[in-house]
C-alpha atoms as a PDB file:
ATOM      1  CA  UNK A   1      -6.329   7.682   1.354  1.00  0.00           C
ATOM      2  CA  UNK A   2      -4.629   8.771   4.579  1.00  0.00           C
ATOM      3  CA  UNK A   3      -6.751   6.294   6.536  1.00  0.00           C
ATOM      4  CA  UNK A   4      -5.942   3.552   4.051  1.00  0.00           C
ATOM      5  CA  UNK A   5      -2.225   4.199   4.474  1.00  0.00           C
ATOM      6  CA  UNK A   6      -2.439   4.219   8.262  1.00  0.00           C
ATOM      7  CA  UNK A   7      -4.644   1.099   8.250  1.00  0.00           C
ATOM      8  CA  UNK A   8      -2.841  -0.650   5.404  1.00  0.00           C
ATOM      9  CA  UNK A   9      -3.470  -4.104   6.916  1.00  0.00           C
ATOM     10  CA  UNK A  10      -7.188  -3.674   6.223  1.00  0.00           C
ATOM     11  CA  UNK A  11      -6.671  -2.517   2.630  1.00  0.00           C
ATOM     12  CA  UNK A  12      -3.591  -4.269   1.234  1.00  0.00           C
ATOM     13  CA  UNK A  13      -4.687  -6.979  -1.177  1.00  0.00           C
ATOM     14  CA  UNK A  14      -2.406  -9.006  -3.403  1.00  0.00           C
ATOM     15  CA  UNK A  15      -4.115  -9.517  -6.784  1.00  0.00           C
ATOM     16  CA  UNK A  16      -4.299 -13.208  -7.692  1.00  0.00           C
ATOM     17  CA  UNK A  17      -2.975 -12.573 -11.199  1.00  0.00           C
ATOM     18  CA  UNK A  18       0.314 -11.373  -9.684  1.00  0.00           C
ATOM     19  CA  UNK A  19       0.920 -14.852  -8.196  1.00  0.00           C
ATOM     20  CA  UNK A  20       3.287 -13.936  -5.405  1.00  0.00           C
ATOM     21  CA  UNK A  21       4.780 -16.733  -3.353  1.00  0.00           C
ATOM     22  CA  UNK A  22       3.891 -16.893   0.349  1.00  0.00           C
ATOM     23  CA  UNK A  23       7.506 -15.907   1.075  1.00  0.00           C
ATOM     24  CA  UNK A  24       7.223 -12.801  -1.130  1.00  0.00           C
ATOM     25  CA  UNK A  25       3.955 -11.762   0.526  1.00  0.00           C
ATOM     26  CA  UNK A  26       5.495 -12.259   3.963  1.00  0.00           C
ATOM     27  CA  UNK A  27       8.555 -10.186   3.017  1.00  0.00           C
ATOM     28  CA  UNK A  28       6.391  -7.312   1.765  1.00  0.00           C
ATOM     29  CA  UNK A  29       4.186  -7.333   4.863  1.00  0.00           C
ATOM     30  CA  UNK A  30       7.170  -7.520   7.201  1.00  0.00           C
ATOM     31  CA  UNK A  31       8.703  -4.474   5.508  1.00  0.00           C
ATOM     32  CA  UNK A  32       5.442  -2.488   5.629  1.00  0.00           C
ATOM     33  CA  UNK A  33       4.717  -2.918   9.335  1.00  0.00           C
ATOM     34  CA  UNK A  34       5.473  -0.663  12.305  1.00  0.00           C
ATOM     35  CA  UNK A  35       9.164   0.060  12.762  1.00  0.00           C
ATOM     36  CA  UNK A  36       9.339  -1.936  16.002  1.00  0.00           C
ATOM     37  CA  UNK A  37       8.314  -5.141  14.213  1.00  0.00           C
ATOM     38  CA  UNK A  38       9.831  -4.326  10.816  1.00  0.00           C
ATOM     39  CA  UNK A  39      12.167  -6.863   9.266  1.00  0.00           C
ATOM     40  CA  UNK A  40      15.698  -5.492   9.443  1.00  0.00           C
ATOM     41  CA  UNK A  41      15.178  -3.405  12.572  1.00  0.00           C
ATOM     42  CA  UNK A  42      17.675  -5.594  14.429  1.00  0.00           C
ATOM     43  CA  UNK A  43      20.112  -5.673  11.521  1.00  0.00           C
ATOM     44  CA  UNK A  44      20.546  -6.644   7.886  1.00  0.00           C
ATOM     45  CA  UNK A  45      20.935 -10.294   8.879  1.00  0.00           C
ATOM     46  CA  UNK A  46      17.165 -10.417   9.496  1.00  0.00           C
ATOM     47  CA  UNK A  47      16.524  -9.559   5.872  1.00  0.00           C
ATOM     48  CA  UNK A  48      19.265 -11.845   4.568  1.00  0.00           C
ATOM     49  CA  UNK A  49      17.837 -14.756   6.589  1.00  0.00           C
ATOM     50  CA  UNK A  50      14.285 -14.302   5.273  1.00  0.00           C
ATOM     51  CA  UNK A  51      13.060 -17.378   3.317  1.00  0.00           C
ATOM     52  CA  UNK A  52      12.442 -15.284   0.167  1.00  0.00           C
ATOM     53  CA  UNK A  53      16.220 -14.784  -0.127  1.00  0.00           C
ATOM     54  CA  UNK A  54      16.969 -18.507   0.248  1.00  0.00           C
ATOM     55  CA  UNK A  55      19.768 -19.418  -2.116  1.00  0.00           C
ATOM     56  CA  UNK A  56      21.226 -15.902  -2.379  1.00  0.00           C
ATOM     57  CA  UNK A  57      24.967 -16.092  -1.870  1.00  0.00           C
ATOM     58  CA  UNK A  58      25.435 -12.772  -0.113  1.00  0.00           C
ATOM     59  CA  UNK A  59      29.230 -13.101   0.027  1.00  0.00           C
ATOM     60  CA  UNK A  60      29.406 -13.382  -3.766  1.00  0.00           C
ATOM     61  CA  UNK A  61      26.870 -10.666  -4.531  1.00  0.00           C
ATOM     62  CA  UNK A  62      29.404  -8.099  -5.763  1.00  0.00           C
ATOM     63  CA  UNK A  63      31.095 -10.629  -8.041  1.00  0.00           C
ATOM     64  CA  UNK A  64      27.829 -11.724  -9.693  1.00  0.00           C
ATOM     65  CA  UNK A  65      26.789 -10.374 -13.083  1.00  0.00           C
ATOM     66  CA  UNK A  66      23.605  -8.312 -12.922  1.00  0.00           C
ATOM     67  CA  UNK A  67      20.548  -9.744 -14.681  1.00  0.00           C
ATOM     68  CA  UNK A  68      19.924  -6.354 -16.299  1.00  0.00           C
ATOM     69  CA  UNK A  69      22.363  -3.503 -16.837  1.00  0.00           C
ATOM     70  CA  UNK A  70      20.596  -0.380 -18.111  1.00  0.00           C
ATOM     71  CA  UNK A  71      22.276   1.701 -20.781  1.00  0.00           C
ATOM     72  CA  UNK A  72      22.755   5.282 -19.586  1.00  0.00           C
ATOM     73  CA  UNK A  73      24.541   8.265 -21.086  1.00  0.00           C
ATOM     74  CA  UNK A  74      25.295  10.054 -17.820  1.00  0.00           C
ATOM     75  CA  UNK A  75      24.131  10.292 -14.201  1.00  0.00           C
ATOM     76  CA  UNK A  76      21.148  12.456 -15.220  1.00  0.00           C
ATOM     77  CA  UNK A  77      19.924  10.100 -17.967  1.00  0.00           C
ATOM     78  CA  UNK A  78      16.298   9.100 -17.277  1.00  0.00           C
ATOM     79  CA  UNK A  79      15.544   7.229 -20.517  1.00  0.00           C
ATOM     80  CA  UNK A  80      14.956   3.971 -18.605  1.00  0.00           C
ATOM     81  CA  UNK A  81      12.037   5.434 -16.651  1.00  0.00           C
ATOM     82  CA  UNK A  82       8.458   5.750 -17.861  1.00  0.00           C
ATOM     83  CA  UNK A  83       7.464   9.200 -19.017  1.00  0.00           C
ATOM     84  CA  UNK A  84       4.525  10.980 -17.410  1.00  0.00           C
ATOM     85  CA  UNK A  85       2.859  14.319 -17.903  1.00  0.00           C
ATOM     86  CA  UNK A  86       3.850  16.882 -15.350  1.00  0.00           C
ATOM     87  CA  UNK A  87       0.902  19.075 -14.549  1.00  0.00           C
ATOM     88  CA  UNK A  88       0.733  22.119 -12.382  1.00  0.00           C
ATOM     89  CA  UNK A  89      -2.037  21.018 -10.091  1.00  0.00           C
ATOM     90  CA  UNK A  90      -3.457  23.637  -7.814  1.00  0.00           C
ATOM     91  CA  UNK A  91      -2.599  22.954  -4.200  1.00  0.00           C
ATOM     92  CA  UNK A  92      -5.743  23.265  -2.085  1.00  0.00           C
ATOM     93  CA  UNK A  93      -5.844  26.281   0.178  1.00  0.00           C
ATOM     94  CA  UNK A  94      -5.152  25.384   3.808  1.00  0.00           C
ATOM     95  CA  UNK A  95      -7.960  26.380   6.113  1.00  0.00           C
ATOM     96  CA  UNK A  96      -8.514  26.002   9.828  1.00  0.00           C
ATOM     97  CA  UNK A  97     -11.533  23.780   9.239  1.00  0.00           C
ATOM     98  CA  UNK A  98     -12.488  20.988   6.941  1.00  0.00           C
ATOM     99  CA  UNK A  99     -13.093  17.252   7.147  1.00  0.00           C
ATOM    100  CA  UNK A 100      -9.387  16.413   7.099  1.00  0.00           C
ATOM    101  CA  UNK A 101      -8.457  18.808   9.947  1.00  0.00           C
ATOM    102  CA  UNK A 102     -10.046  16.623  12.648  1.00  0.00           C
ATOM    103  CA  UNK A 103      -8.385  13.496  11.258  1.00  0.00           C
ATOM    104  CA  UNK A 104      -4.922  15.084  11.221  1.00  0.00           C
ATOM    105  CA  UNK A 105      -5.203  16.622  14.673  1.00  0.00           C
ATOM    106  CA  UNK A 106      -6.225  13.424  16.470  1.00  0.00           C
END
């Protein structure tokens, strides 16, 4: 998994059933890349000017009504999030050897 994260370009696949536009795919890839090439590194205008955001009236954003306003009881209310089982997984013991040690030290 570590190698897949580091080499995401070789592993990232957009499933066809998701049907993302070319602009959406480009936006995702330009946000996932190295920081030097990442969209927004030179300022928020880079993100605002991306073709995926074409038609967004940034100046009116705060006056627009949100498409979805979640109902919450207080700032700690998590009812709008999916529930998952929390398990106490054993953390593997750290050793000075192992297959991952060489990968992390290089």
